[in-house]
């Protein structure tokens, strides 16, 4: 259910013809933004974050992300995806232990 909700959020913010949300597998997604700058991508991420603001803690979608750009002269797609993956895991690590907070919220909800 959470994966479907997240995919719907990606589709919702991907209204431009050159923006393609792609599920890589499991809970990993990629947004391919052709001919877009980092500012465009950051604005799209901000829209997703705003969609979460009014939800109760237990319903919020948690995610980590990274932005990596592809340049035909300097990069291979494999290299860009590896860099995005590295940066995403760095963010995930810096966010702290969301699972602990989620468990507390679930216990609190069940106790009510």
Protein backbone atom coordinates (compact mmCIF):
# COMPACT_ATOMS: atom_id res chain seq x y z
CA UNK A 1 0.00 0.00 0.00
CA UNK A 2 2.81 2.43 0.88
CA UNK A 3 4.64 1.71 -2.38
CA UNK A 4 1.45 2.42 -4.33
CA UNK A 5 0.88 5.66 -2.41
CA UNK A 6 4.45 6.77 -3.06
CA UNK A 7 4.15 5.94 -6.77
CA UNK A 8 0.96 8.00 -6.96
CA UNK A 9 2.79 10.92 -5.34
CA UNK A 10 5.56 10.67 -7.93
CA UNK A 11 3.04 10.62 -10.76
CA UNK A 12 1.25 13.61 -9.22
CA UNK A 13 4.40 15.76 -9.24
CA UNK A 14 5.59 14.50 -12.64
CA UNK A 15 3.28 16.62 -14.76
CA UNK A 16 5.92 17.75 -17.25
CA UNK A 17 6.27 15.77 -20.52
CA UNK A 18 10.02 15.32 -19.92
CA UNK A 19 9.70 13.88 -16.39
CA UNK A 20 9.35 10.12 -15.99
CA UNK A 21 8.86 8.39 -12.62
CA UNK A 22 10.24 4.84 -12.74
CA UNK A 23 10.09 2.05 -10.16
CA UNK A 24 13.47 0.34 -10.09
CA UNK A 25 12.28 -2.46 -7.85
CA UNK A 26 11.20 -2.98 -4.27
CA UNK A 27 10.87 0.44 -2.70
CA UNK A 28 13.38 2.17 -4.99
CA UNK A 29 12.22 4.73 -7.52
CA UNK A 30 13.94 6.97 -10.03
CA UNK A 31 12.71 10.19 -11.54
CA UNK A 32 14.23 10.73 -14.95
CA UNK A 33 14.01 14.45 -15.69
CA UNK A 34 15.20 15.02 -19.23
CA UNK A 35 16.71 18.46 -19.94
CA UNK A 36 15.86 19.73 -16.43
CA UNK A 37 18.15 21.45 -13.95
CA UNK A 38 18.61 20.59 -10.28
CA UNK A 39 16.34 23.48 -9.27
CA UNK A 40 13.42 21.87 -11.15
CA UNK A 41 14.02 18.55 -9.39
CA UNK A 42 14.33 20.21 -5.97
CA UNK A 43 11.01 22.01 -6.57
CA UNK A 44 9.38 18.67 -7.41
CA UNK A 45 10.70 17.16 -4.18
CA UNK A 46 9.40 20.18 -2.26
CA UNK A 47 5.92 19.51 -3.71
CA UNK A 48 6.05 15.95 -2.37
CA UNK A 49 7.11 17.19 1.04
CA UNK A 50 4.22 19.67 1.09
CA UNK A 51 1.77 16.85 0.31
CA UNK A 52 2.92 15.13 3.53
CA UNK A 53 2.51 18.11 5.87
CA UNK A 54 -1.15 17.60 6.75
CA UNK A 55 -0.96 13.85 7.27
CA UNK A 56 -0.73 12.24 10.73
CA UNK A 57 2.74 10.92 11.53
CA UNK A 58 1.80 7.31 10.92
CA UNK A 59 0.49 8.11 7.41
CA UNK A 60 3.41 10.21 6.24
CA UNK A 61 5.62 8.83 3.50
CA UNK A 62 9.26 8.80 4.51
CA UNK A 63 11.90 8.77 1.83
CA UNK A 64 15.46 9.68 1.12
CA UNK A 65 16.61 11.03 -2.19
CA UNK A 66 19.58 12.30 -4.12
CA UNK A 67 20.06 14.34 -7.26
CA UNK A 68 22.67 13.34 -9.82
CA UNK A 69 23.08 14.86 -13.27
CA UNK A 70 24.11 13.12 -16.46
CA UNK A 71 26.44 14.72 -18.96
CA UNK A 72 27.18 12.82 -22.18
CA UNK A 73 30.78 14.00 -22.22
CA UNK A 74 31.69 12.90 -18.70
CA UNK A 75 29.33 10.25 -17.44
CA UNK A 76 27.82 6.89 -18.02
CA UNK A 77 24.30 6.20 -16.80
CA UNK A 78 25.71 3.52 -14.49
CA UNK A 79 28.06 6.08 -12.90
CA UNK A 80 25.25 8.61 -12.37
CA UNK A 81 22.95 6.00 -10.79
CA UNK A 82 25.78 4.85 -8.49
CA UNK A 83 26.37 8.45 -7.36
CA UNK A 84 22.65 9.01 -6.74
CA UNK A 85 22.51 5.77 -4.75
CA UNK A 86 25.53 6.77 -2.66
CA UNK A 87 24.05 10.20 -1.88
CA UNK A 88 20.63 8.74 -1.09
CA UNK A 89 22.08 6.29 1.44
CA UNK A 90 24.09 9.13 2.99
CA UNK A 91 20.85 11.10 3.49
CA UNK A 92 19.08 8.04 4.84
CA UNK A 93 21.83 7.54 7.42
CA UNK A 94 21.74 11.21 8.46
CA UNK A 95 17.97 11.18 8.99
CA UNK A 96 18.26 9.02 12.08
CA UNK A 97 16.14 6.10 13.10
CA UNK A 98 12.68 6.69 11.67
CA UNK A 99 11.69 3.11 12.49
CA UNK A 100 11.96 3.83 16.23
CA UNK A 101 9.63 6.81 15.89
CA UNK A 102 7.22 4.79 13.76
CA UNK A 103 7.08 1.99 16.34
CA UNK A 104 6.28 4.55 19.07
CA UNK A 105 3.49 6.05 16.95
CA UNK A 106 2.00 2.62 16.22
CA UNK A 107 2.08 1.63 19.91
CA UNK A 108 0.48 4.93 20.89
CA UNK A 109 -2.26 4.49 18.28
CA UNK A 110 -2.94 0.90 19.36
CA UNK A 111 -3.10 1.90 23.03
CA UNK A 112 -5.85 4.41 22.26
